[in-house]
Amino acid sequence: MIAILTVGFAPIVALMSFFYLKDQFQEPLALIVRSFILGALLVFPIMFIQHAFTSEGIHMNTFFESFLQIALLEEFLKWFVFMFVMYNHEEFDDHYDGIVYAVAISLGFASVENVLYLLTNGIEYGFSRAFFPVSSHALFGVIMGYYFGKAKIRDSSTNYNLALAFFIPFVLHGIYNFILQTVTTYWLYYLVPFMIALWIFGLHRMKVANQPNPLS
């Protein structure tokens, strides 16, 4: 059990530290921990809803399962928690702050999901999950937080950026799931380029958000 917790949380801690330390004006740890815990708690209503789909015999094809049953549900609830808890908080006063808090929510969710998966399937999956699902959740959080930050610091296009904060992570998450569920052989040939592109996009958003007057 201790080994699984260690393997399950190690990439979470590493990624959260990376994104946190990139912040020029670091946020209160208490708020980050609260965001993380709220993200972790999202696992349970999501599991309940997804179980209800299965129990009621509601079957979707791979596309709709990837985009609606998984990506839409998970990314909308992360978005909702951010809007409800952090968007109007006085500590959210800088573009990059959105990235820090959105990543905390996403990694909170990923932490519980990761540990539960390792408990069910075995610790040997720890390495691959660190590079793929855990990292992808963190990067979806980066992109979500970037647009939340943009909505907060700009006087115009607020609703547009709030919509993008949900829509772009939702689409990317759906594509990620669709690759995993449809490509049975040589899936690395599809997923690795996708993850590289996701990292490039996420790192660029971080760089822009850390600029004094980001314009992109």
N, C-alpha and C. Protein backbone atom coordinates (compact mmCIF):
# COMPACT_ATOMS: atom_id res chain seq x y z
N MET A 1 0.82 -1.21 0.00
CA MET A 1 0.00 0.00 0.00
C MET A 1 0.86 1.27 0.00
N ILE A 2 1.89 1.28 0.85
CA ILE A 2 2.79 2.44 0.91
C ILE A 2 3.49 2.64 -0.43
N ALA A 3 3.90 1.52 -1.04
CA ALA A 3 4.58 1.61 -2.34
C ALA A 3 3.65 2.20 -3.40
N ILE A 4 2.39 1.77 -3.40
CA ILE A 4 1.44 2.27 -4.38
C ILE A 4 1.17 3.76 -4.16
N LEU A 5 1.03 4.17 -2.90
CA LEU A 5 0.81 5.59 -2.61
C LEU A 5 2.02 6.42 -3.05
N THR A 6 3.21 5.88 -2.81
CA THR A 6 4.42 6.60 -3.20
C THR A 6 4.51 6.77 -4.71
N VAL A 7 4.30 5.66 -5.42
CA VAL A 7 4.35 5.70 -6.89
C VAL A 7 3.21 6.54 -7.45
N GLY A 8 2.05 6.47 -6.81
CA GLY A 8 0.89 7.21 -7.30
C GLY A 8 1.02 8.72 -7.11
N PHE A 9 1.64 9.13 -5.99
CA PHE A 9 1.71 10.56 -5.69
C PHE A 9 3.00 11.22 -6.15
N ALA A 10 4.05 10.44 -6.41
CA ALA A 10 5.34 11.03 -6.79
C ALA A 10 5.24 11.93 -8.03
N PRO A 11 4.62 11.48 -9.12
CA PRO A 11 4.52 12.38 -10.29
C PRO A 11 3.62 13.58 -10.02
N ILE A 12 2.64 13.42 -9.15
CA ILE A 12 1.76 14.53 -8.79
C ILE A 12 2.55 15.64 -8.11
N VAL A 13 3.36 15.24 -7.13
CA VAL A 13 4.18 16.20 -6.39
C VAL A 13 5.19 16.87 -7.32
N ALA A 14 5.81 16.08 -8.19
CA ALA A 14 6.82 16.62 -9.11
C ALA A 14 6.20 17.65 -10.06
N LEU A 15 5.06 17.31 -10.64
CA LEU A 15 4.41 18.22 -11.59
C LEU A 15 3.88 19.47 -10.89
N MET A 16 3.26 19.30 -9.72
CA MET A 16 2.74 20.46 -9.00
C MET A 16 3.88 21.39 -8.61
N SER A 17 5.00 20.84 -8.17
CA SER A 17 6.16 21.66 -7.81
C SER A 17 6.69 22.41 -9.02
N PHE A 18 6.74 21.74 -10.16
CA PHE A 18 7.24 22.37 -11.39
C PHE A 18 6.39 23.59 -11.76
N PHE A 19 5.07 23.41 -11.79
CA PHE A 19 4.21 24.51 -12.20
C PHE A 19 4.15 25.60 -11.14
N TYR A 20 4.22 25.22 -9.89
CA TYR A 20 4.18 26.21 -8.80
C TYR A 20 5.43 27.08 -8.80
N LEU A 21 6.59 26.45 -8.97
CA LEU A 21 7.85 27.20 -8.91
C LEU A 21 8.07 28.09 -10.12
N LYS A 22 7.32 27.87 -11.19
CA LYS A 22 7.40 28.75 -12.36
C LYS A 22 6.67 30.07 -12.12
N ASP A 23 5.87 30.14 -11.07
CA ASP A 23 5.12 31.35 -10.77
C ASP A 23 6.05 32.42 -10.21
N GLN A 24 6.04 33.59 -10.80
CA GLN A 24 6.90 34.67 -10.33
C GLN A 24 6.46 35.20 -8.98
N PHE A 25 5.15 35.16 -8.70
CA PHE A 25 4.61 35.61 -7.43
C PHE A 25 3.81 34.45 -6.84
N GLN A 26 4.48 33.65 -6.04
CA GLN A 26 3.91 32.36 -5.64
C GLN A 26 2.69 32.52 -4.74
N GLU A 27 1.72 31.65 -4.98
CA GLU A 27 0.43 31.71 -4.32
C GLU A 27 0.46 31.04 -2.94
N PRO A 28 -0.49 31.40 -2.06
CA PRO A 28 -0.55 30.78 -0.72
C PRO A 28 -0.73 29.26 -0.83
N LEU A 29 0.09 28.54 -0.11
CA LEU A 29 0.01 27.08 -0.17
C LEU A 29 -1.34 26.57 0.33
N ALA A 30 -1.94 27.26 1.29
CA ALA A 30 -3.24 26.82 1.81
C ALA A 30 -4.30 26.80 0.71
N LEU A 31 -4.28 27.79 -0.17
CA LEU A 31 -5.24 27.83 -1.27
C LEU A 31 -4.96 26.74 -2.30
N ILE A 32 -3.69 26.49 -2.53
CA ILE A 32 -3.33 25.43 -3.48
C ILE A 32 -3.77 24.08 -2.93
N VAL A 33 -3.54 23.85 -1.64
CA VAL A 33 -3.96 22.59 -1.02
C VAL A 33 -5.48 22.46 -1.08
N ARG A 34 -6.20 23.54 -0.82
CA ARG A 34 -7.66 23.49 -0.88
C ARG A 34 -8.13 23.16 -2.29
N SER A 35 -7.52 23.78 -3.29
CA SER A 35 -7.88 23.50 -4.68
C SER A 35 -7.59 22.04 -5.01
N PHE A 36 -6.45 21.55 -4.54
CA PHE A 36 -6.06 20.16 -4.77
C PHE A 36 -7.09 19.20 -4.17
N ILE A 37 -7.49 19.47 -2.93
CA ILE A 37 -8.45 18.59 -2.25
C ILE A 37 -9.80 18.61 -2.97
N LEU A 38 -10.24 19.78 -3.39
CA LEU A 38 -11.51 19.85 -4.12
C LEU A 38 -11.44 19.06 -5.43
N GLY A 39 -10.30 19.15 -6.10
CA GLY A 39 -10.12 18.35 -7.30
C GLY A 39 -10.15 16.87 -7.00
N ALA A 40 -9.54 16.47 -5.90
CA ALA A 40 -9.53 15.05 -5.51
C ALA A 40 -10.95 14.56 -5.22
N LEU A 41 -11.76 15.40 -4.60
CA LEU A 41 -13.12 15.00 -4.26
C LEU A 41 -14.01 14.82 -5.49
N LEU A 42 -13.62 15.44 -6.60
CA LEU A 42 -14.41 15.31 -7.83
C LEU A 42 -14.45 13.87 -8.34
N VAL A 43 -13.46 13.08 -7.98
CA VAL A 43 -13.40 11.70 -8.47
C VAL A 43 -14.68 10.95 -8.11
N PHE A 44 -15.21 11.19 -6.93
CA PHE A 44 -16.31 10.36 -6.42
C PHE A 44 -17.64 10.65 -7.10
N PRO A 45 -18.06 11.91 -7.29
CA PRO A 45 -19.28 12.10 -8.08
C PRO A 45 -19.14 11.67 -9.53
N ILE A 46 -17.94 11.83 -10.09
CA ILE A 46 -17.72 11.40 -11.47
C ILE A 46 -17.83 9.88 -11.57
N MET A 47 -17.23 9.16 -10.62
CA MET A 47 -17.34 7.70 -10.61
C MET A 47 -18.80 7.27 -10.47
N PHE A 48 -19.55 7.97 -9.63
CA PHE A 48 -20.96 7.63 -9.42
C PHE A 48 -21.76 7.82 -10.70
N ILE A 49 -21.56 8.95 -11.38
CA ILE A 49 -22.29 9.23 -12.62
C ILE A 49 -21.93 8.22 -13.70
N GLN A 50 -20.62 7.93 -13.83
CA GLN A 50 -20.20 6.98 -14.85
C GLN A 50 -20.71 5.58 -14.53
N HIS A 51 -20.75 5.23 -13.24
CA HIS A 51 -21.31 3.93 -12.84
C HIS A 51 -22.81 3.87 -13.15
N ALA A 52 -23.49 5.00 -12.96
CA ALA A 52 -24.93 5.04 -13.25
C ALA A 52 -25.19 4.79 -14.73
N PHE A 53 -24.34 5.34 -15.59
CA PHE A 53 -24.47 5.08 -17.03
C PHE A 53 -24.39 3.58 -17.30
N THR A 54 -23.42 2.93 -16.68
CA THR A 54 -23.23 1.50 -16.88
C THR A 54 -24.39 0.69 -16.31
N SER A 55 -24.81 1.04 -15.09
CA SER A 55 -25.89 0.30 -14.42
C SER A 55 -27.20 0.40 -15.16
N GLU A 56 -27.45 1.56 -15.77
CA GLU A 56 -28.70 1.76 -16.50
C GLU A 56 -28.64 1.21 -17.92
N GLY A 57 -27.49 0.64 -18.27
CA GLY A 57 -27.35 0.06 -19.60
C GLY A 57 -27.28 1.07 -20.70
N ILE A 58 -26.81 2.28 -20.35
CA ILE A 58 -26.67 3.33 -21.37
C ILE A 58 -25.32 3.15 -22.05
N HIS A 59 -25.34 2.68 -23.26
CA HIS A 59 -24.11 2.39 -23.98
C HIS A 59 -23.88 3.46 -25.07
N MET A 60 -22.68 3.97 -25.10
CA MET A 60 -22.31 4.96 -26.11
C MET A 60 -21.24 4.36 -27.01
N ASN A 61 -21.18 4.87 -28.24
CA ASN A 61 -20.06 4.43 -29.07
C ASN A 61 -18.78 5.09 -28.55
N THR A 62 -17.67 4.68 -29.11
CA THR A 62 -16.37 5.11 -28.58
C THR A 62 -16.20 6.62 -28.61
N PHE A 63 -16.68 7.24 -29.68
CA PHE A 63 -16.54 8.69 -29.80
C PHE A 63 -17.29 9.41 -28.69
N PHE A 64 -18.55 9.06 -28.50
CA PHE A 64 -19.35 9.75 -27.48
C PHE A 64 -18.89 9.41 -26.07
N GLU A 65 -18.42 8.20 -25.86
CA GLU A 65 -17.89 7.85 -24.55
C GLU A 65 -16.64 8.67 -24.24
N SER A 66 -15.76 8.79 -25.24
CA SER A 66 -14.51 9.53 -25.05
C SER A 66 -14.76 11.01 -24.76
N PHE A 67 -15.68 11.61 -25.54
CA PHE A 67 -15.88 13.05 -25.44
C PHE A 67 -16.95 13.45 -24.42
N LEU A 68 -18.02 12.67 -24.30
CA LEU A 68 -19.12 13.08 -23.44
C LEU A 68 -19.06 12.45 -22.05
N GLN A 69 -18.98 11.13 -22.02
CA GLN A 69 -19.02 10.45 -20.73
C GLN A 69 -17.76 10.69 -19.89
N ILE A 70 -16.63 10.92 -20.55
CA ILE A 70 -15.38 11.12 -19.81
C ILE A 70 -14.93 12.58 -19.87
N ALA A 71 -14.57 13.06 -21.03
CA ALA A 71 -13.96 14.40 -21.14
C ALA A 71 -14.91 15.51 -20.71
N LEU A 72 -16.14 15.49 -21.21
CA LEU A 72 -17.10 16.54 -20.86
C LEU A 72 -17.35 16.57 -19.36
N LEU A 73 -17.61 15.42 -18.79
CA LEU A 73 -17.92 15.34 -17.37
C LEU A 73 -16.75 15.82 -16.51
N GLU A 74 -15.56 15.32 -16.78
CA GLU A 74 -14.41 15.65 -15.96
C GLU A 74 -14.00 17.12 -16.11
N GLU A 75 -13.89 17.60 -17.34
CA GLU A 75 -13.43 18.96 -17.55
C GLU A 75 -14.47 20.00 -17.12
N PHE A 76 -15.75 19.68 -17.30
CA PHE A 76 -16.77 20.63 -16.85
C PHE A 76 -16.75 20.77 -15.34
N LEU A 77 -16.62 19.67 -14.60
CA LEU A 77 -16.61 19.76 -13.14
C LEU A 77 -15.36 20.47 -12.63
N LYS A 78 -14.22 20.26 -13.27
CA LYS A 78 -13.02 21.03 -12.89
C LYS A 78 -13.27 22.52 -13.14
N TRP A 79 -13.82 22.83 -14.31
CA TRP A 79 -14.13 24.22 -14.66
C TRP A 79 -15.09 24.83 -13.65
N PHE A 80 -16.12 24.07 -13.29
CA PHE A 80 -17.13 24.55 -12.35
C PHE A 80 -16.52 24.83 -10.98
N VAL A 81 -15.68 23.93 -10.50
CA VAL A 81 -15.03 24.14 -9.19
C VAL A 81 -14.18 25.40 -9.21
N PHE A 82 -13.42 25.59 -10.29
CA PHE A 82 -12.60 26.80 -10.40
C PHE A 82 -13.49 28.04 -10.37
N MET A 83 -14.56 28.06 -11.15
CA MET A 83 -15.45 29.21 -11.20
C MET A 83 -16.07 29.48 -9.83
N PHE A 84 -16.47 28.44 -9.15
CA PHE A 84 -17.19 28.57 -7.88
C PHE A 84 -16.26 28.95 -6.73
N VAL A 85 -15.04 28.43 -6.74
CA VAL A 85 -14.14 28.59 -5.59
C VAL A 85 -13.08 29.66 -5.80
N MET A 86 -12.48 29.69 -7.01
CA MET A 86 -11.27 30.50 -7.19
C MET A 86 -11.44 31.75 -8.04
N TYR A 87 -12.37 31.77 -8.97
CA TYR A 87 -12.37 32.84 -9.96
C TYR A 87 -12.50 34.23 -9.33
N ASN A 88 -13.35 34.36 -8.33
CA ASN A 88 -13.56 35.66 -7.69
C ASN A 88 -12.75 35.83 -6.40
N HIS A 89 -11.84 34.92 -6.14
CA HIS A 89 -11.02 35.02 -4.92
C HIS A 89 -10.02 36.16 -5.06
N GLU A 90 -9.78 36.86 -3.96
CA GLU A 90 -8.87 38.02 -3.99
C GLU A 90 -7.44 37.64 -4.32
N GLU A 91 -7.04 36.39 -4.07
CA GLU A 91 -5.67 35.96 -4.37
C GLU A 91 -5.47 35.68 -5.86
N PHE A 92 -6.56 35.53 -6.58
CA PHE A 92 -6.47 35.31 -8.04
C PHE A 92 -6.40 36.68 -8.70
N ASP A 93 -5.19 37.22 -8.79
CA ASP A 93 -5.03 38.58 -9.29
C ASP A 93 -3.94 38.70 -10.35
N ASP A 94 -3.53 37.58 -10.92
CA ASP A 94 -2.47 37.59 -11.93
C ASP A 94 -2.77 36.49 -12.95
N HIS A 95 -2.30 36.69 -14.18
CA HIS A 95 -2.59 35.74 -15.26
C HIS A 95 -2.12 34.32 -14.90
N TYR A 96 -0.90 34.19 -14.41
CA TYR A 96 -0.36 32.85 -14.13
C TYR A 96 -1.05 32.18 -12.95
N ASP A 97 -1.69 32.97 -12.07
CA ASP A 97 -2.40 32.38 -10.94
C ASP A 97 -3.44 31.37 -11.41
N GLY A 98 -4.08 31.67 -12.53
CA GLY A 98 -5.08 30.74 -13.05
C GLY A 98 -4.48 29.38 -13.34
N ILE A 99 -3.27 29.36 -13.86
CA ILE A 99 -2.59 28.10 -14.16
C ILE A 99 -2.31 27.32 -12.88
N VAL A 100 -1.79 28.00 -11.86
CA VAL A 100 -1.45 27.33 -10.61
C VAL A 100 -2.67 26.66 -9.99
N TYR A 101 -3.77 27.39 -9.89
CA TYR A 101 -4.96 26.83 -9.23
C TYR A 101 -5.67 25.78 -10.09
N ALA A 102 -5.70 25.97 -11.40
CA ALA A 102 -6.32 24.97 -12.27
C ALA A 102 -5.51 23.67 -12.28
N VAL A 103 -4.18 23.80 -12.27
CA VAL A 103 -3.33 22.61 -12.21
C VAL A 103 -3.53 21.89 -10.88
N ALA A 104 -3.68 22.65 -9.79
CA ALA A 104 -3.91 22.02 -8.49
C ALA A 104 -5.21 21.22 -8.49
N ILE A 105 -6.27 21.79 -9.07
CA ILE A 105 -7.54 21.06 -9.16
C ILE A 105 -7.38 19.81 -10.02
N SER A 106 -6.72 19.96 -11.16
CA SER A 106 -6.55 18.83 -12.08
C SER A 106 -5.70 17.72 -11.47
N LEU A 107 -4.62 18.11 -10.80
CA LEU A 107 -3.75 17.10 -10.19
C LEU A 107 -4.38 16.48 -8.96
N GLY A 108 -5.25 17.22 -8.27
CA GLY A 108 -6.00 16.60 -7.19
C GLY A 108 -6.86 15.47 -7.71
N PHE A 109 -7.56 15.74 -8.81
CA PHE A 109 -8.36 14.70 -9.46
C PHE A 109 -7.48 13.54 -9.92
N ALA A 110 -6.36 13.87 -10.58
CA ALA A 110 -5.47 12.83 -11.12
C ALA A 110 -4.86 11.98 -10.02
N SER A 111 -4.63 12.56 -8.85
CA SER A 111 -3.98 11.81 -7.76
C SER A 111 -4.85 10.64 -7.29
N VAL A 112 -6.13 10.93 -7.03
CA VAL A 112 -7.04 9.86 -6.57
C VAL A 112 -7.26 8.85 -7.68
N GLU A 113 -7.49 9.34 -8.90
CA GLU A 113 -7.69 8.45 -10.04
C GLU A 113 -6.48 7.54 -10.23
N ASN A 114 -5.28 8.09 -10.08
CA ASN A 114 -4.06 7.32 -10.28
C ASN A 114 -3.89 6.25 -9.22
N VAL A 115 -4.10 6.61 -7.97
CA VAL A 115 -3.95 5.64 -6.87
C VAL A 115 -4.98 4.52 -7.01
N LEU A 116 -6.22 4.87 -7.31
CA LEU A 116 -7.25 3.84 -7.48
C LEU A 116 -6.91 2.90 -8.62
N TYR A 117 -6.38 3.45 -9.71
CA TYR A 117 -6.00 2.60 -10.85
C TYR A 117 -4.88 1.64 -10.46
N LEU A 118 -3.88 2.16 -9.76
CA LEU A 118 -2.75 1.31 -9.36
C LEU A 118 -3.17 0.25 -8.35
N LEU A 119 -4.10 0.59 -7.47
CA LEU A 119 -4.61 -0.41 -6.53
C LEU A 119 -5.33 -1.54 -7.25
N THR A 120 -6.02 -1.19 -8.33
CA THR A 120 -6.81 -2.17 -9.07
C THR A 120 -5.96 -2.99 -10.04
N ASN A 121 -5.01 -2.33 -10.71
CA ASN A 121 -4.30 -2.96 -11.82
C ASN A 121 -2.83 -3.29 -11.54
N GLY A 122 -2.26 -2.71 -10.49
CA GLY A 122 -0.88 -3.06 -10.15
C GLY A 122 0.08 -1.89 -10.28
N ILE A 123 1.11 -1.93 -9.45
CA ILE A 123 2.07 -0.84 -9.38
C ILE A 123 2.93 -0.73 -10.63
N GLU A 124 2.98 -1.79 -11.42
CA GLU A 124 3.82 -1.78 -12.62
C GLU A 124 3.35 -0.76 -13.66
N TYR A 125 2.13 -0.26 -13.50
CA TYR A 125 1.63 0.76 -14.44
C TYR A 125 1.98 2.18 -14.01
N GLY A 126 2.67 2.31 -12.89
CA GLY A 126 2.97 3.63 -12.35
C GLY A 126 3.76 4.51 -13.30
N PHE A 127 4.75 3.94 -13.97
CA PHE A 127 5.63 4.73 -14.85
C PHE A 127 4.85 5.27 -16.04
N SER A 128 4.09 4.41 -16.72
CA SER A 128 3.37 4.85 -17.92
C SER A 128 2.26 5.84 -17.55
N ARG A 129 1.64 5.65 -16.40
CA ARG A 129 0.57 6.57 -16.01
C ARG A 129 1.14 7.94 -15.65
N ALA A 130 2.35 7.99 -15.13
CA ALA A 130 2.96 9.28 -14.82
C ALA A 130 3.18 10.09 -16.09
N PHE A 131 3.57 9.42 -17.17
CA PHE A 131 3.88 10.12 -18.42
C PHE A 131 2.64 10.46 -19.24
N PHE A 132 1.57 9.69 -19.07
CA PHE A 132 0.41 9.91 -19.93
C PHE A 132 -0.79 10.50 -19.17
N PRO A 133 -1.59 9.72 -18.44
CA PRO A 133 -2.79 10.35 -17.85
C PRO A 133 -2.49 11.44 -16.82
N VAL A 134 -1.49 11.23 -15.97
CA VAL A 134 -1.21 12.25 -14.95
C VAL A 134 -0.70 13.54 -15.61
N SER A 135 0.26 13.41 -16.52
CA SER A 135 0.78 14.59 -17.22
C SER A 135 -0.30 15.27 -18.05
N SER A 136 -1.15 14.49 -18.69
CA SER A 136 -2.19 15.09 -19.53
C SER A 136 -3.17 15.90 -18.67
N HIS A 137 -3.55 15.37 -17.51
CA HIS A 137 -4.44 16.12 -16.62
C HIS A 137 -3.79 17.45 -16.20
N ALA A 138 -2.50 17.40 -15.89
CA ALA A 138 -1.80 18.63 -15.51
C ALA A 138 -1.81 19.64 -16.64
N LEU A 139 -1.59 19.18 -17.85
CA LEU A 139 -1.55 20.09 -19.01
C LEU A 139 -2.93 20.61 -19.40
N PHE A 140 -3.96 19.78 -19.22
CA PHE A 140 -5.32 20.29 -19.40
C PHE A 140 -5.58 21.41 -18.40
N GLY A 141 -5.04 21.25 -17.18
CA GLY A 141 -5.17 22.29 -16.16
C GLY A 141 -4.42 23.56 -16.55
N VAL A 142 -3.23 23.40 -17.14
CA VAL A 142 -2.47 24.57 -17.59
C VAL A 142 -3.28 25.38 -18.60
N ILE A 143 -3.86 24.68 -19.56
CA ILE A 143 -4.61 25.37 -20.62
C ILE A 143 -5.88 26.00 -20.06
N MET A 144 -6.59 25.26 -19.20
CA MET A 144 -7.77 25.82 -18.56
C MET A 144 -7.42 27.07 -17.75
N GLY A 145 -6.36 26.97 -16.95
CA GLY A 145 -5.96 28.09 -16.12
C GLY A 145 -5.47 29.29 -16.90
N TYR A 146 -4.84 29.03 -18.05
CA TYR A 146 -4.38 30.12 -18.90
C TYR A 146 -5.56 31.00 -19.33
N TYR A 147 -6.64 30.36 -19.77
CA TYR A 147 -7.79 31.13 -20.25
C TYR A 147 -8.60 31.72 -19.10
N PHE A 148 -8.60 31.06 -17.94
CA PHE A 148 -9.20 31.69 -16.77
C PHE A 148 -8.44 32.97 -16.41
N GLY A 149 -7.10 32.89 -16.44
CA GLY A 149 -6.28 34.05 -16.14
C GLY A 149 -6.49 35.17 -17.14
N LYS A 150 -6.62 34.79 -18.40
CA LYS A 150 -6.84 35.78 -19.46
C LYS A 150 -8.19 36.47 -19.28
N ALA A 151 -9.19 35.68 -18.89
CA ALA A 151 -10.51 36.26 -18.64
C ALA A 151 -10.48 37.22 -17.46
N LYS A 152 -9.66 36.89 -16.46
CA LYS A 152 -9.64 37.70 -15.24
C LYS A 152 -8.91 39.03 -15.43
N ILE A 153 -7.82 39.03 -16.20
CA ILE A 153 -7.00 40.24 -16.27
C ILE A 153 -7.40 41.17 -17.41
N ARG A 154 -8.25 40.69 -18.33
CA ARG A 154 -8.65 41.52 -19.46
C ARG A 154 -10.06 42.07 -19.24
N ASP A 155 -10.27 43.28 -19.74
CA ASP A 155 -11.58 43.90 -19.61
C ASP A 155 -12.54 43.47 -20.71
N SER A 156 -11.99 42.93 -21.79
CA SER A 156 -12.83 42.51 -22.92
C SER A 156 -12.74 41.00 -23.13
N SER A 157 -13.71 40.47 -23.83
CA SER A 157 -13.75 39.04 -24.20
C SER A 157 -13.72 38.12 -22.99
N THR A 158 -14.28 38.57 -21.87
CA THR A 158 -14.26 37.74 -20.66
C THR A 158 -15.03 36.44 -20.85
N ASN A 159 -16.26 36.54 -21.32
CA ASN A 159 -17.07 35.33 -21.49
C ASN A 159 -16.47 34.39 -22.54
N TYR A 160 -15.87 34.97 -23.56
CA TYR A 160 -15.22 34.16 -24.60
C TYR A 160 -14.07 33.35 -24.00
N ASN A 161 -13.24 33.98 -23.18
CA ASN A 161 -12.11 33.27 -22.57
C ASN A 161 -12.57 32.27 -21.52
N LEU A 162 -13.64 32.58 -20.80
CA LEU A 162 -14.20 31.61 -19.86
C LEU A 162 -14.70 30.38 -20.60
N ALA A 163 -15.28 30.58 -21.77
CA ALA A 163 -15.74 29.45 -22.57
C ALA A 163 -14.57 28.62 -23.07
N LEU A 164 -13.51 29.30 -23.51
CA LEU A 164 -12.31 28.59 -23.97
C LEU A 164 -11.66 27.81 -22.84
N ALA A 165 -11.75 28.32 -21.61
CA ALA A 165 -11.17 27.63 -20.46
C ALA A 165 -11.77 26.24 -20.27
N PHE A 166 -13.02 26.09 -20.70
CA PHE A 166 -13.64 24.76 -20.68
C PHE A 166 -13.46 24.03 -22.00
N PHE A 167 -13.71 24.73 -23.11
CA PHE A 167 -13.84 24.05 -24.40
C PHE A 167 -12.53 23.42 -24.86
N ILE A 168 -11.42 24.13 -24.77
CA ILE A 168 -10.15 23.59 -25.28
C ILE A 168 -9.69 22.37 -24.49
N PRO A 169 -9.66 22.41 -23.13
CA PRO A 169 -9.30 21.18 -22.40
C PRO A 169 -10.26 20.03 -22.69
N PHE A 170 -11.55 20.34 -22.84
CA PHE A 170 -12.53 19.30 -23.15
C PHE A 170 -12.21 18.60 -24.47
N VAL A 171 -11.94 19.37 -25.52
CA VAL A 171 -11.62 18.78 -26.83
C VAL A 171 -10.33 17.97 -26.76
N LEU A 172 -9.30 18.53 -26.14
CA LEU A 172 -8.02 17.82 -26.04
C LEU A 172 -8.15 16.54 -25.22
N HIS A 173 -8.91 16.61 -24.15
CA HIS A 173 -9.14 15.42 -23.32
C HIS A 173 -9.90 14.36 -24.10
N GLY A 174 -10.88 14.80 -24.88
CA GLY A 174 -11.64 13.86 -25.70
C GLY A 174 -10.76 13.18 -26.74
N ILE A 175 -9.87 13.94 -27.37
CA ILE A 175 -8.95 13.36 -28.35
C ILE A 175 -8.04 12.34 -27.69
N TYR A 176 -7.53 12.68 -26.51
CA TYR A 176 -6.66 11.76 -25.76
C TYR A 176 -7.39 10.44 -25.49
N ASN A 177 -8.61 10.53 -24.98
CA ASN A 177 -9.37 9.32 -24.68
C ASN A 177 -9.67 8.52 -25.95
N PHE A 178 -10.01 9.24 -27.02
CA PHE A 178 -10.37 8.56 -28.26
C PHE A 178 -9.19 7.77 -28.81
N ILE A 179 -7.98 8.33 -28.70
CA ILE A 179 -6.79 7.61 -29.15
C ILE A 179 -6.63 6.32 -28.35
N LEU A 180 -6.77 6.42 -27.02
CA LEU A 180 -6.58 5.26 -26.17
C LEU A 180 -7.62 4.16 -26.45
N GLN A 181 -8.84 4.56 -26.77
CA GLN A 181 -9.90 3.58 -26.91
C GLN A 181 -10.04 3.01 -28.31
N THR A 182 -9.44 3.65 -29.29
CA THR A 182 -9.60 3.17 -30.67
C THR A 182 -8.34 2.53 -31.25
N VAL A 183 -7.17 2.94 -30.75
CA VAL A 183 -5.92 2.41 -31.28
C VAL A 183 -5.46 1.27 -30.38
N THR A 184 -5.61 0.05 -30.84
CA THR A 184 -5.27 -1.11 -30.01
C THR A 184 -3.81 -1.54 -30.16
N THR A 185 -3.24 -1.30 -31.33
CA THR A 185 -1.82 -1.63 -31.53
C THR A 185 -1.08 -0.37 -31.98
N TYR A 186 0.16 -0.29 -31.61
CA TYR A 186 1.01 0.86 -31.95
C TYR A 186 0.42 2.19 -31.45
N TRP A 187 -0.26 2.12 -30.29
CA TRP A 187 -0.90 3.33 -29.77
C TRP A 187 0.13 4.40 -29.40
N LEU A 188 1.36 3.96 -29.08
CA LEU A 188 2.39 4.94 -28.74
C LEU A 188 2.71 5.86 -29.92
N TYR A 189 2.57 5.35 -31.15
CA TYR A 189 2.85 6.16 -32.33
C TYR A 189 1.88 7.34 -32.46
N TYR A 190 0.71 7.20 -31.84
CA TYR A 190 -0.27 8.28 -31.87
C TYR A 190 -0.22 9.13 -30.60
N LEU A 191 -0.07 8.44 -29.46
CA LEU A 191 -0.17 9.16 -28.19
C LEU A 191 1.08 9.98 -27.89
N VAL A 192 2.25 9.48 -28.23
CA VAL A 192 3.48 10.23 -27.96
C VAL A 192 3.51 11.56 -28.70
N PRO A 193 3.24 11.61 -30.02
CA PRO A 193 3.19 12.92 -30.69
C PRO A 193 2.12 13.84 -30.10
N PHE A 194 0.99 13.25 -29.71
CA PHE A 194 -0.06 14.07 -29.10
C PHE A 194 0.45 14.70 -27.80
N MET A 195 1.13 13.91 -26.97
CA MET A 195 1.63 14.42 -25.69
C MET A 195 2.73 15.46 -25.90
N ILE A 196 3.58 15.25 -26.90
CA ILE A 196 4.63 16.23 -27.19
C ILE A 196 3.99 17.56 -27.60
N ALA A 197 2.99 17.49 -28.47
CA ALA A 197 2.29 18.71 -28.90
C ALA A 197 1.60 19.38 -27.71
N LEU A 198 1.02 18.56 -26.82
CA LEU A 198 0.34 19.10 -25.64
C LEU A 198 1.32 19.81 -24.72
N TRP A 199 2.51 19.22 -24.52
CA TRP A 199 3.53 19.86 -23.69
C TRP A 199 4.01 21.18 -24.32
N ILE A 200 4.23 21.17 -25.63
CA ILE A 200 4.68 22.39 -26.30
C ILE A 200 3.64 23.50 -26.15
N PHE A 201 2.38 23.15 -26.37
CA PHE A 201 1.30 24.12 -26.24
C PHE A 201 1.19 24.63 -24.81
N GLY A 202 1.25 23.69 -23.84
CA GLY A 202 1.13 24.07 -22.44
C GLY A 202 2.28 24.95 -21.97
N LEU A 203 3.51 24.61 -22.35
CA LEU A 203 4.67 25.41 -21.95
C LEU A 203 4.63 26.80 -22.57
N HIS A 204 4.13 26.87 -23.80
CA HIS A 204 3.99 28.19 -24.43
C HIS A 204 2.96 29.04 -23.69
N ARG A 205 1.85 28.43 -23.29
CA ARG A 205 0.83 29.17 -22.53
C ARG A 205 1.41 29.65 -21.20
N MET A 206 2.23 28.83 -20.56
CA MET A 206 2.87 29.24 -19.31
C MET A 206 3.79 30.44 -19.52
N LYS A 207 4.57 30.39 -20.60
CA LYS A 207 5.50 31.48 -20.90
C LYS A 207 4.74 32.78 -21.13
N VAL A 208 3.66 32.72 -21.90
CA VAL A 208 2.87 33.91 -22.18
C VAL A 208 2.23 34.46 -20.90
N ALA A 209 1.71 33.56 -20.06
CA ALA A 209 1.05 33.99 -18.83
C ALA A 209 2.00 34.64 -17.86
N ASN A 210 3.28 34.30 -17.94
CA ASN A 210 4.27 34.87 -17.03
C ASN A 210 4.84 36.20 -17.51
N GLN A 211 4.46 36.62 -18.71
CA GLN A 211 4.91 37.90 -19.21
C GLN A 211 4.16 39.03 -18.49
N PRO A 212 4.80 40.19 -18.31
CA PRO A 212 4.16 41.29 -17.59
C PRO A 212 2.82 41.72 -18.19
N ASN A 213 2.78 41.80 -19.53
CA ASN A 213 1.55 42.20 -20.21
C ASN A 213 1.26 41.26 -21.36
N PRO A 214 0.83 40.00 -21.05
CA PRO A 214 0.60 39.02 -22.10
C PRO A 214 -0.48 39.50 -23.07
N LEU A 215 -0.19 39.28 -24.37
CA LEU A 215 -1.13 39.73 -25.39
C LEU A 215 -1.74 38.57 -26.18
N SER A 216 -1.19 37.38 -26.05
CA SER A 216 -1.67 36.27 -26.88
C SER A 216 -2.92 35.63 -26.30
